[in-house]
């Protein structure tokens, strides 16, 4: 199963990265998150996060790839399913485009799709909308130079 959403954000990549990479604050701007606890001071390769989402079991993620101001990927493994979540920012003339993706592989991935596929798709939509709103609002709230 894979889900991918892209959203254009009227804010510079640096601003969106500040919001996106502060994973412990995601519950402030996305109703798809109850809590996120990171085991490091900042998001970095090898860091682990424990994520609790409504209607889904608590999940442990490990950051496997990180390019500051551009992207990060984290992976969660459980019996029969490996989930990879990608977060990528690309500059545009008016700000940036965020691409959020979830891919699930493994023997039990079809069951996950059957029982939680629509919910996971809704959560990715909520996260894309929330990231856009939070990034644009923070930009508007920033003092002028």
Protein backbone atom coordinates (compact mmCIF):
# COMPACT_ATOMS: atom_id res chain seq x y z
CA UNK A 1 0.00 0.00 0.00
CA UNK A 2 1.23 3.48 -0.71
CA UNK A 3 -0.27 6.92 -0.15
CA UNK A 4 1.21 10.17 -1.40
CA UNK A 5 0.00 13.74 -1.04
CA UNK A 6 1.55 17.00 -2.22
CA UNK A 7 0.63 20.49 -1.10
CA UNK A 8 1.87 23.89 -2.23
CA UNK A 9 2.78 26.12 0.70
CA UNK A 10 3.14 29.90 0.50
CA UNK A 11 6.17 29.99 2.81
CA UNK A 12 9.90 29.55 2.23
CA UNK A 13 11.46 26.10 2.58
CA UNK A 14 13.29 27.16 5.74
CA UNK A 15 10.02 28.08 7.49
CA UNK A 16 8.28 24.87 6.41
CA UNK A 17 11.31 22.80 7.49
CA UNK A 18 11.18 24.42 10.94
CA UNK A 19 7.57 23.27 11.30
CA UNK A 20 8.06 19.84 9.71
CA UNK A 21 11.22 18.88 11.57
CA UNK A 22 9.83 19.85 15.00
CA UNK A 23 8.02 16.51 15.17
CA UNK A 24 7.08 16.74 18.85
CA UNK A 25 4.84 19.72 18.00
CA UNK A 26 2.93 17.95 15.21
CA UNK A 27 -0.07 17.33 17.50
CA UNK A 28 -0.49 21.13 17.70
CA UNK A 29 -1.27 21.38 13.99
CA UNK A 30 -2.59 17.96 12.95
CA UNK A 31 -5.53 16.15 14.50
CA UNK A 32 -4.00 12.95 13.10
CA UNK A 33 -1.49 13.01 15.98
CA UNK A 34 -2.09 12.51 19.69
CA UNK A 35 1.58 12.62 20.70
CA UNK A 36 5.12 12.41 19.32
CA UNK A 37 8.13 11.83 21.56
CA UNK A 38 11.63 12.09 20.09
CA UNK A 39 14.64 10.51 21.83
CA UNK A 40 16.99 13.30 20.67
CA UNK A 41 17.12 17.08 21.01
CA UNK A 42 16.55 17.52 17.27
CA UNK A 43 15.47 15.39 14.36
CA UNK A 44 18.56 13.53 13.12
CA UNK A 45 19.53 10.33 11.36
CA UNK A 46 19.22 7.41 13.79
CA UNK A 47 16.82 9.23 16.13
CA UNK A 48 13.76 7.35 17.32
CA UNK A 49 10.28 8.72 17.79
CA UNK A 50 7.26 7.18 19.47
CA UNK A 51 4.05 8.29 17.74
CA UNK A 52 0.50 7.84 19.00
CA UNK A 53 -2.32 8.48 16.55
CA UNK A 54 -6.07 8.24 17.11
CA UNK A 55 -7.46 4.76 16.36
CA UNK A 56 -3.98 3.33 15.62
CA UNK A 57 -1.52 1.53 17.93
CA UNK A 58 1.46 3.44 19.31
CA UNK A 59 4.33 3.10 16.85
CA UNK A 60 8.09 3.48 17.09
CA UNK A 61 9.85 5.14 14.12
CA UNK A 62 13.56 5.39 13.31
CA UNK A 63 14.91 8.22 11.13
CA UNK A 64 16.80 6.50 8.32
CA UNK A 65 17.57 9.47 6.08
CA UNK A 66 17.71 13.20 6.64
CA UNK A 67 18.75 16.11 4.42
CA UNK A 68 18.21 19.36 6.34
CA UNK A 69 15.86 21.82 4.61
CA UNK A 70 14.96 19.10 2.08
CA UNK A 71 13.70 15.77 3.41
CA UNK A 72 13.57 13.08 6.03
CA UNK A 73 12.42 9.49 6.03
CA UNK A 74 11.52 7.34 8.98
CA UNK A 75 10.69 3.65 9.15
CA UNK A 76 8.55 1.58 11.47
CA UNK A 77 8.60 -2.21 11.56
CA UNK A 78 6.14 -4.57 13.16
CA UNK A 79 5.29 -8.21 12.61
CA UNK A 80 4.61 -8.64 8.90
CA UNK A 81 4.68 -4.94 7.92
CA UNK A 82 7.38 -2.35 7.35
CA UNK A 83 6.12 1.20 6.96
CA UNK A 84 8.23 3.94 5.38
CA UNK A 85 7.11 7.56 5.68
CA UNK A 86 8.73 10.21 3.50
CA UNK A 87 8.65 13.98 3.96
CA UNK A 88 10.12 16.06 1.13
CA UNK A 89 10.25 19.82 0.46
CA UNK A 90 10.92 21.35 -2.95
CA UNK A 91 11.27 25.10 -3.54
CA UNK A 92 8.71 26.73 -5.85
CA UNK A 93 8.43 30.33 -7.11
CA UNK A 94 5.88 31.12 -4.37
CA UNK A 95 7.31 29.05 -1.51
CA UNK A 96 7.63 25.29 -1.56
CA UNK A 97 5.85 22.04 -2.27
CA UNK A 98 5.66 19.42 0.47
CA UNK A 99 5.31 15.78 -0.54
CA UNK A 100 4.24 13.36 2.18
CA UNK A 101 4.21 9.63 1.52
CA UNK A 102 3.53 6.35 3.30
CA UNK A 103 4.50 2.98 1.88
CA UNK A 104 3.77 -0.35 3.54
CA UNK A 105 5.40 -3.61 2.54
CA UNK A 106 5.35 -7.10 3.89
CA UNK A 107 3.16 -10.14 4.24
CA UNK A 108 0.49 -8.32 6.28
CA UNK A 109 0.49 -5.07 4.26
CA UNK A 110 -2.69 -6.10 2.37
CA UNK A 111 -4.51 -6.54 5.71
CA UNK A 112 -3.34 -3.12 6.87
CA UNK A 113 -4.67 -1.65 3.63
CA UNK A 114 -8.01 -3.42 4.12
CA UNK A 115 -8.53 -2.36 7.74
CA UNK A 116 -6.71 0.99 7.95
CA UNK A 117 -5.95 2.16 4.41
CA UNK A 118 -8.65 4.84 4.26
CA UNK A 119 -7.82 6.08 7.75
CA UNK A 120 -4.12 6.34 6.89
CA UNK A 121 -5.00 8.27 3.70
CA UNK A 122 -7.15 10.70 5.72
CA UNK A 123 -4.32 11.18 8.21
CA UNK A 124 -1.83 12.02 5.45
CA UNK A 125 -4.36 14.54 4.06
CA UNK A 126 -4.75 16.09 7.53
CA UNK A 127 -0.98 16.33 7.93
CA UNK A 128 -0.53 18.02 4.54
CA UNK A 129 -3.28 20.56 5.30
CA UNK A 130 -1.99 21.17 8.81
CA UNK A 131 1.58 21.67 7.63
CA UNK A 132 0.40 24.21 5.07
CA UNK A 133 -1.75 26.12 7.56
CA UNK A 134 0.87 26.14 10.33
CA UNK A 135 3.72 27.16 8.00
CA UNK A 136 1.73 29.96 6.36
CA UNK A 137 0.35 31.20 9.69
CA UNK A 138 3.77 31.29 11.30
CA UNK A 139 5.02 33.25 8.33
CA UNK A 140 2.22 35.78 8.73
CA UNK A 141 2.91 36.01 12.48
CA UNK A 142 6.65 36.66 11.97
CA UNK A 143 7.81 40.23 12.49
CA UNK A 144 8.79 42.20 9.39
CA UNK A 145 12.51 42.89 8.91
